[in-house]
Amino acid sequence: DDLKILLVIAIGEPAEQVVIDPLGTDCGIK
């Protein structure tokens, strides 16, 4: 009880591709 959980880090071998795109002119960050 004297500890609080801050976050959880999930770990594994990725099964998906993640790509970085330039932010569009609509400023959509989602």
Full PDB file with SEQRES, HELIX, SHEET, SSBOND, CRYST1, ORIGX, SCALE, CONECT and MASTER records, all heavy atoms in Angstrom:
SEQRES   1 A   30  ASP ASP LEU LYS ILE LEU LEU VAL ILE ALA ILE GLY GLU          
SEQRES   2 A   30  PRO ALA GLU GLN VAL VAL ILE ASP PRO LEU GLY THR ASP          
SEQRES   3 A   30  CYS GLY ILE LYS                                              
CRYST1    1.000    1.000    1.000  90.00  90.00  90.00 P 1           1          
ORIGX1      1.000000  0.000000  0.000000        0.00000                         
ORIGX2      0.000000  1.000000  0.000000        0.00000                         
ORIGX3      0.000000  0.000000  1.000000        0.00000                         
SCALE1      1.000000  0.000000  0.000000        0.00000                         
SCALE2      0.000000  1.000000  0.000000        0.00000                         
SCALE3      0.000000  0.000000  1.000000        0.00000                         
ATOM      1  N   ASP A   1       0.799  -1.224   0.000  1.00  0.00           N  
ATOM      2  CA  ASP A   1       0.000   0.000   0.000  1.00  0.00           C  
ATOM      3  C   ASP A   1       0.834   1.279   0.000  1.00  0.00           C  
ATOM      4  O   ASP A   1       0.339   2.328  -0.410  1.00  0.00           O  
ATOM      5  CB  ASP A   1      -0.938   0.023   1.214  1.00  0.00           C  
ATOM      6  CG  ASP A   1      -2.057  -0.992   1.087  1.00  0.00           C  
ATOM      7  OD1 ASP A   1      -2.309  -1.456  -0.040  1.00  0.00           O  
ATOM      8  OD2 ASP A   1      -2.669  -1.320   2.118  1.00  0.00           O  
ATOM      9  N   ASP A   2       2.070   1.210   0.466  1.00  0.00           N  
ATOM     10  CA  ASP A   2       2.892   2.423   0.507  1.00  0.00           C  
ATOM     11  C   ASP A   2       3.481   2.773  -0.854  1.00  0.00           C  
ATOM     12  O   ASP A   2       4.157   3.792  -1.002  1.00  0.00           O  
ATOM     13  CB  ASP A   2       3.993   2.310   1.561  1.00  0.00           C  
ATOM     14  CG  ASP A   2       4.973   1.182   1.273  1.00  0.00           C  
ATOM     15  OD1 ASP A   2       4.563   0.163   0.672  1.00  0.00           O  
ATOM     16  OD2 ASP A   2       6.152   1.316   1.646  1.00  0.00           O  
ATOM     17  N   LEU A   3       3.209   1.931  -1.868  1.00  0.00           N  
ATOM     18  CA  LEU A   3       3.659   2.200  -3.238  1.00  0.00           C  
ATOM     19  C   LEU A   3       2.454   2.471  -4.125  1.00  0.00           C  
ATOM     20  O   LEU A   3       1.387   1.882  -3.938  1.00  0.00           O  
ATOM     21  CB  LEU A   3       4.438   1.014  -3.804  1.00  0.00           C  
ATOM     22  CG  LEU A   3       5.753   0.662  -3.123  1.00  0.00           C  
ATOM     23  CD1 LEU A   3       6.332  -0.603  -3.738  1.00  0.00           C  
ATOM     24  CD2 LEU A   3       6.748   1.803  -3.221  1.00  0.00           C  
ATOM     25  N   LYS A   4       2.641   3.343  -5.116  1.00  0.00           N  
ATOM     26  CA  LYS A   4       1.596   3.579  -6.118  1.00  0.00           C  
ATOM     27  C   LYS A   4       2.141   3.176  -7.480  1.00  0.00           C  
ATOM     28  O   LYS A   4       3.309   3.422  -7.799  1.00  0.00           O  
ATOM     29  CB  LYS A   4       1.153   5.038  -6.120  1.00  0.00           C  
ATOM     30  CG  LYS A   4       2.238   6.024  -6.492  1.00  0.00           C  
ATOM     31  CD  LYS A   4       1.733   7.449  -6.472  1.00  0.00           C  
ATOM     32  CE  LYS A   4       2.903   8.402  -6.750  1.00  0.00           C  
ATOM     33  NZ  LYS A   4       2.509   9.784  -6.716  1.00  0.00           N  
ATOM     34  N   ILE A   5       1.295   2.543  -8.265  1.00  0.00           N  
ATOM     35  CA  ILE A   5       1.678   2.154  -9.619  1.00  0.00           C  
ATOM     36  C   ILE A   5       1.649   3.401 -10.490  1.00  0.00           C  
ATOM     37  O   ILE A   5       0.669   4.136 -10.507  1.00  0.00           O  
ATOM     38  CB  ILE A   5       0.738   1.069 -10.172  1.00  0.00           C  
ATOM     39  CG1 ILE A   5       0.913  -0.223  -9.374  1.00  0.00           C  
ATOM     40  CG2 ILE A   5       0.989   0.838 -11.663  1.00  0.00           C  
ATOM     41  CD1 ILE A   5      -0.084  -1.310  -9.725  1.00  0.00           C  
ATOM     42  N   LEU A   6       2.750   3.630 -11.230  1.00  0.00           N  
ATOM     43  CA  LEU A   6       2.841   4.783 -12.122  1.00  0.00           C  
ATOM     44  C   LEU A   6       2.460   4.421 -13.544  1.00  0.00           C  
ATOM     45  O   LEU A   6       1.744   5.157 -14.212  1.00  0.00           O  
ATOM     46  CB  LEU A   6       4.254   5.363 -12.083  1.00  0.00           C  
ATOM     47  CG  LEU A   6       4.761   5.775 -10.694  1.00  0.00           C  
ATOM     48  CD1 LEU A   6       6.206   6.237 -10.778  1.00  0.00           C  
ATOM     49  CD2 LEU A   6       3.872   6.848 -10.099  1.00  0.00           C  
ATOM     50  N   LEU A   7       2.969   3.309 -14.027  1.00  0.00           N  
ATOM     51  CA  LEU A   7       2.607   2.807 -15.349  1.00  0.00           C  
ATOM     52  C   LEU A   7       3.068   1.379 -15.496  1.00  0.00           C  
ATOM     53  O   LEU A   7       3.773   0.850 -14.641  1.00  0.00           O  
ATOM     54  CB  LEU A   7       3.146   3.687 -16.478  1.00  0.00           C  
ATOM     55  CG  LEU A   7       4.639   3.895 -16.695  1.00  0.00           C  
ATOM     56  CD1 LEU A   7       5.290   2.715 -17.379  1.00  0.00           C  
ATOM     57  CD2 LEU A   7       4.837   5.106 -17.579  1.00  0.00           C  
ATOM     58  N   VAL A   8       2.646   0.757 -16.587  1.00  0.00           N  
ATOM     59  CA  VAL A   8       3.031  -0.610 -16.903  1.00  0.00           C  
ATOM     60  C   VAL A   8       3.709  -0.590 -18.264  1.00  0.00           C  
ATOM     61  O   VAL A   8       3.208   0.033 -19.204  1.00  0.00           O  
ATOM     62  CB  VAL A   8       1.805  -1.550 -16.926  1.00  0.00           C  
ATOM     63  CG1 VAL A   8       2.200  -2.955 -17.365  1.00  0.00           C  
ATOM     64  CG2 VAL A   8       1.119  -1.570 -15.565  1.00  0.00           C  
ATOM     65  N   ILE A   9       4.853  -1.251 -18.372  1.00  0.00           N  
ATOM     66  CA  ILE A   9       5.544  -1.374 -19.651  1.00  0.00           C  
ATOM     67  C   ILE A   9       5.310  -2.789 -20.168  1.00  0.00           C  
ATOM     68  O   ILE A   9       5.715  -3.760 -19.536  1.00  0.00           O  
ATOM     69  CB  ILE A   9       7.047  -1.084 -19.514  1.00  0.00           C  
ATOM     70  CG1 ILE A   9       7.273   0.311 -18.921  1.00  0.00           C  
ATOM     71  CG2 ILE A   9       7.738  -1.230 -20.872  1.00  0.00           C  
ATOM     72  CD1 ILE A   9       8.722   0.613 -18.591  1.00  0.00           C  
ATOM     73  N   ALA A  10       4.603  -2.880 -21.291  1.00  0.00           N  
ATOM     74  CA  ALA A  10       4.363  -4.160 -21.946  1.00  0.00           C  
ATOM     75  C   ALA A  10       5.582  -4.473 -22.811  1.00  0.00           C  
ATOM     76  O   ALA A  10       6.105  -3.587 -23.493  1.00  0.00           O  
ATOM     77  CB  ALA A  10       3.110  -4.079 -22.812  1.00  0.00           C  
ATOM     78  N   ILE A  11       6.038  -5.721 -22.777  1.00  0.00           N  
ATOM     79  CA  ILE A  11       7.250  -6.129 -23.507  1.00  0.00           C  
ATOM     80  C   ILE A  11       6.952  -7.399 -24.294  1.00  0.00           C  
ATOM     81  O   ILE A  11       6.294  -8.313 -23.798  1.00  0.00           O  
ATOM     82  CB  ILE A  11       8.419  -6.418 -22.535  1.00  0.00           C  
ATOM     83  CG1 ILE A  11       8.737  -5.215 -21.659  1.00  0.00           C  
ATOM     84  CG2 ILE A  11       9.652  -6.912 -23.290  1.00  0.00           C  
ATOM     85  CD1 ILE A  11       9.522  -4.128 -22.323  1.00  0.00           C  
ATOM     86  N   GLY A  12       7.472  -7.465 -25.513  1.00  0.00           N  
ATOM     87  CA  GLY A  12       7.358  -8.674 -26.316  1.00  0.00           C  
ATOM     88  C   GLY A  12       7.974  -8.453 -27.685  1.00  0.00           C  
ATOM     89  O   GLY A  12       8.523  -7.391 -27.978  1.00  0.00           O  
ATOM     90  N   GLU A  13       7.867  -9.467 -28.516  1.00  0.00           N  
ATOM     91  CA  GLU A  13       8.326  -9.328 -29.903  1.00  0.00           C  
ATOM     92  C   GLU A  13       7.204  -8.678 -30.702  1.00  0.00           C  
ATOM     93  O   GLU A  13       6.093  -9.217 -30.760  1.00  0.00           O  
ATOM     94  CB  GLU A  13       8.667 -10.687 -30.501  1.00  0.00           C  
ATOM     95  CG  GLU A  13       9.156 -10.583 -31.926  1.00  0.00           C  
ATOM     96  CD  GLU A  13       9.464 -11.930 -32.549  1.00  0.00           C  
ATOM     97  OE1 GLU A  13       9.560 -12.936 -31.823  1.00  0.00           O  
ATOM     98  OE2 GLU A  13       9.602 -11.965 -33.785  1.00  0.00           O  
ATOM     99  N   PRO A  14       7.449  -7.517 -31.314  1.00  0.00           N  
ATOM    100  CA  PRO A  14       6.389  -6.826 -32.048  1.00  0.00           C  
ATOM    101  C   PRO A  14       5.812  -7.689 -33.175  1.00  0.00           C  
ATOM    102  O   PRO A  14       6.540  -8.382 -33.879  1.00  0.00           O  
ATOM    103  CB  PRO A  14       7.088  -5.596 -32.624  1.00  0.00           C  
ATOM    104  CG  PRO A  14       8.263  -5.376 -31.734  1.00  0.00           C  
ATOM    105  CD  PRO A  14       8.701  -6.751 -31.309  1.00  0.00           C  
ATOM    106  N   ALA A  15       4.491  -7.609 -33.309  1.00  0.00           N  
ATOM    107  CA  ALA A  15       3.794  -8.306 -34.391  1.00  0.00           C  
ATOM    108  C   ALA A  15       3.063  -7.298 -35.264  1.00  0.00           C  
ATOM    109  O   ALA A  15       2.055  -7.619 -35.886  1.00  0.00           O  
ATOM    110  CB  ALA A  15       2.814  -9.327 -33.824  1.00  0.00           C  
ATOM    111  N   GLU A  16       3.553  -6.081 -35.274  1.00  0.00           N  
ATOM    112  CA  GLU A  16       2.952  -5.051 -36.107  1.00  0.00           C  
ATOM    113  C   GLU A  16       4.046  -4.109 -36.589  1.00  0.00           C  
ATOM    114  O   GLU A  16       5.106  -4.004 -35.973  1.00  0.00           O  
ATOM    115  CB  GLU A  16       1.880  -4.271 -35.352  1.00  0.00           C  
ATOM    116  CG  GLU A  16       2.385  -3.439 -34.206  1.00  0.00           C  
ATOM    117  CD  GLU A  16       1.262  -2.691 -33.488  1.00  0.00           C  
ATOM    118  OE1 GLU A  16       0.183  -2.508 -34.076  1.00  0.00           O  
ATOM    119  OE2 GLU A  16       1.475  -2.293 -32.345  1.00  0.00           O  
ATOM    120  N   GLN A  17       3.739  -3.448 -37.689  1.00  0.00           N  
ATOM    121  CA  GLN A  17       4.647  -2.435 -38.216  1.00  0.00           C  
ATOM    122  C   GLN A  17       4.142  -1.075 -37.775  1.00  0.00           C  
ATOM    123  O   GLN A  17       2.951  -0.775 -37.906  1.00  0.00           O  
ATOM    124  CB  GLN A  17       4.710  -2.498 -39.736  1.00  0.00           C  
ATOM    125  CG  GLN A  17       5.660  -1.477 -40.329  1.00  0.00           C  
ATOM    126  CD  GLN A  17       5.692  -1.534 -41.849  1.00  0.00           C  
ATOM    127  OE1 GLN A  17       4.902  -2.208 -42.484  1.00  0.00           O  
ATOM    128  NE2 GLN A  17       6.624  -0.804 -42.423  1.00  0.00           N  
ATOM    129  N   VAL A  18       5.060  -0.264 -37.235  1.00  0.00           N  
ATOM    130  CA  VAL A  18       4.730   1.093 -36.837  1.00  0.00           C  
ATOM    131  C   VAL A  18       5.605   2.029 -37.662  1.00  0.00           C  
ATOM    132  O   VAL A  18       6.824   1.860 -37.708  1.00  0.00           O  
ATOM    133  CB  VAL A  18       4.971   1.321 -35.332  1.00  0.00           C  
ATOM    134  CG1 VAL A  18       4.655   2.754 -34.947  1.00  0.00           C  
ATOM    135  CG2 VAL A  18       4.143   0.348 -34.499  1.00  0.00           C  
ATOM    136  N   VAL A  19       4.987   2.998 -38.329  1.00  0.00           N  
ATOM    137  CA  VAL A  19       5.727   3.941 -39.166  1.00  0.00           C  
ATOM    138  C   VAL A  19       5.478   5.366 -38.687  1.00  0.00           C  
ATOM    139  O   VAL A  19       4.413   5.679 -38.155  1.00  0.00           O  
ATOM    140  CB  VAL A  19       5.368   3.809 -40.664  1.00  0.00           C  
ATOM    141  CG1 VAL A  19       5.749   2.439 -41.207  1.00  0.00           C  
ATOM    142  CG2 VAL A  19       3.897   4.079 -40.909  1.00  0.00           C  
ATOM    143  N   ILE A  20       6.470   6.205 -38.887  1.00  0.00           N  
ATOM    144  CA  ILE A  20       6.361   7.619 -38.559  1.00  0.00           C  
ATOM    145  C   ILE A  20       5.992   8.366 -39.829  1.00  0.00           C  
ATOM    146  O   ILE A  20       6.621   8.195 -40.873  1.00  0.00           O  
ATOM    147  CB  ILE A  20       7.696   8.153 -37.993  1.00  0.00           C  
ATOM    148  CG1 ILE A  20       8.034   7.431 -36.690  1.00  0.00           C  
ATOM    149  CG2 ILE A  20       7.629   9.661 -37.780  1.00  0.00           C  
ATOM    150  CD1 ILE A  20       9.408   7.763 -36.144  1.00  0.00           C  
ATOM    151  N   ASP A  21       4.940   9.185 -39.749  1.00  0.00           N  
ATOM    152  CA  ASP A  21       4.495  10.013 -40.860  1.00  0.00           C  
ATOM    153  C   ASP A  21       4.708  11.479 -40.502  1.00  0.00           C  
ATOM    154  O   ASP A  21       4.647  11.842 -39.323  1.00  0.00           O  
ATOM    155  CB  ASP A  21       2.993   9.814 -41.122  1.00  0.00           C  
ATOM    156  CG  ASP A  21       2.652   8.423 -41.616  1.00  0.00           C  
ATOM    157  OD1 ASP A  21       3.490   7.795 -42.287  1.00  0.00           O  
ATOM    158  OD2 ASP A  21       1.531   7.964 -41.325  1.00  0.00           O  
ATOM    159  N   PRO A  22       4.904  12.342 -41.509  1.00  0.00           N  
ATOM    160  CA  PRO A  22       4.927  13.776 -41.209  1.00  0.00           C  
ATOM    161  C   PRO A  22       3.545  14.226 -40.740  1.00  0.00           C  
ATOM    162  O   PRO A  22       2.530  13.723 -41.222  1.00  0.00           O  
ATOM    163  CB  PRO A  22       5.298  14.435 -42.534  1.00  0.00           C  
ATOM    164  CG  PRO A  22       5.377  13.355 -43.559  1.00  0.00           C  
ATOM    165  CD  PRO A  22       5.109  12.041 -42.910  1.00  0.00           C  
ATOM    166  N   LEU A  23       3.537  15.137 -39.803  1.00  0.00           N  
ATOM    167  CA  LEU A  23       2.277  15.698 -39.316  1.00  0.00           C  
ATOM    168  C   LEU A  23       1.647  16.501 -40.449  1.00  0.00           C  
ATOM    169  O   LEU A  23       2.293  17.356 -41.042  1.00  0.00           O  
ATOM    170  CB  LEU A  23       2.534  16.589 -38.101  1.00  0.00           C  
ATOM    171  CG  LEU A  23       1.328  17.048 -37.322  1.00  0.00           C  
ATOM    172  CD1 LEU A  23       0.669  15.868 -36.606  1.00  0.00           C  
ATOM    173  CD2 LEU A  23       1.734  18.088 -36.296  1.00  0.00           C  
ATOM    174  N   GLY A  24       0.385  16.237 -40.755  1.00  0.00           N  
ATOM    175  CA  GLY A  24      -0.301  16.920 -41.836  1.00  0.00           C  
ATOM    176  C   GLY A  24      -0.627  18.361 -41.496  1.00  0.00           C  
ATOM    177  O   GLY A  24      -0.471  18.809 -40.356  1.00  0.00           O  
ATOM    178  N   THR A  25      -1.085  19.090 -42.476  1.00  0.00           N  
ATOM    179  CA  THR A  25      -1.432  20.501 -42.268  1.00  0.00           C  
ATOM    180  C   THR A  25      -2.644  20.666 -41.366  1.00  0.00           C  
ATOM    181  O   THR A  25      -2.876  21.743 -40.839  1.00  0.00           O  
ATOM    182  CB  THR A  25      -1.701  21.199 -43.617  1.00  0.00           C  
ATOM    183  OG1 THR A  25      -2.721  20.467 -44.302  1.00  0.00           O  
ATOM    184  CG2 THR A  25      -0.434  21.246 -44.454  1.00  0.00           C  
ATOM    185  N   ASP A  26      -3.408  19.592 -41.166  1.00  0.00           N  
ATOM    186  CA  ASP A  26      -4.568  19.670 -40.276  1.00  0.00           C  
ATOM    187  C   ASP A  26      -4.171  19.567 -38.810  1.00  0.00           C  
ATOM    188  O   ASP A  26      -5.024  19.649 -37.928  1.00  0.00           O  
ATOM    189  CB  ASP A  26      -5.581  18.583 -40.625  1.00  0.00           C  
ATOM    190  CG  ASP A  26      -5.028  17.174 -40.398  1.00  0.00           C  
ATOM    191  OD1 ASP A  26      -3.824  17.033 -40.107  1.00  0.00           O  
ATOM    192  OD2 ASP A  26      -5.817  16.220 -40.502  1.00  0.00           O  
ATOM    193  N   CYS A  27      -2.860  19.394 -38.539  1.00  0.00           N  
ATOM    194  CA  CYS A  27      -2.313  19.281 -37.182  1.00  0.00           C  
ATOM    195  C   CYS A  27      -2.883  18.087 -36.422  1.00  0.00           C  
ATOM    196  O   CYS A  27      -2.901  18.076 -35.200  1.00  0.00           O  
ATOM    197  CB  CYS A  27      -2.525  20.566 -36.376  1.00  0.00           C  
ATOM    198  SG  CYS A  27      -1.573  21.934 -37.033  1.00  0.00           S  
ATOM    199  N   GLY A  28      -3.348  17.071 -37.139  1.00  0.00           N  
ATOM    200  CA  GLY A  28      -3.863  15.874 -36.482  1.00  0.00           C  
ATOM    201  C   GLY A  28      -2.733  15.048 -35.890  1.00  0.00           C  
ATOM    202  O   GLY A  28      -1.868  14.575 -36.610  1.00  0.00           O  
ATOM    203  N   ILE A  29      -2.746  14.892 -34.581  1.00  0.00           N  
ATOM    204  CA  ILE A  29      -1.685  14.145 -33.907  1.00  0.00           C  
ATOM    205  C   ILE A  29      -2.087  12.712 -33.600  1.00  0.00           C  
ATOM    206  O   ILE A  29      -1.279  11.937 -33.110  1.00  0.00           O  
ATOM    207  CB  ILE A  29      -1.281  14.838 -32.590  1.00  0.00           C  
ATOM    208  CG1 ILE A  29      -2.491  14.971 -31.674  1.00  0.00           C  
ATOM    209  CG2 ILE A  29      -0.611  16.173 -32.865  1.00  0.00           C  
ATOM    210  CD1 ILE A  29      -2.166  15.267 -30.235  1.00  0.00           C  
ATOM    211  N   LYS A  30      -3.328  12.342 -33.879  1.00  0.00           N  
ATOM    212  CA  LYS A  30      -3.802  11.017 -33.519  1.00  0.00           C  
ATOM    213  C   LYS A  30      -3.161   9.942 -34.397  1.00  0.00           C  
ATOM    214  O   LYS A  30      -3.138  10.054 -35.616  1.00  0.00           O  
ATOM    215  CB  LYS A  30      -5.321  10.931 -33.654  1.00  0.00           C  
ATOM    216  CG  LYS A  30      -6.049  11.791 -32.643  1.00  0.00           C  
ATOM    217  CD  LYS A  30      -7.548  11.624 -32.784  1.00  0.00           C  
ATOM    218  CE  LYS A  30      -8.266  12.436 -31.724  1.00  0.00           C  
ATOM    219  NZ  LYS A  30      -9.724  12.252 -31.811  1.00  0.00           N  
TER     220      LYS A  30                                                      
MASTER        0    0    0    0    0    0    0    6  219    1    0    3          
END                                                                             
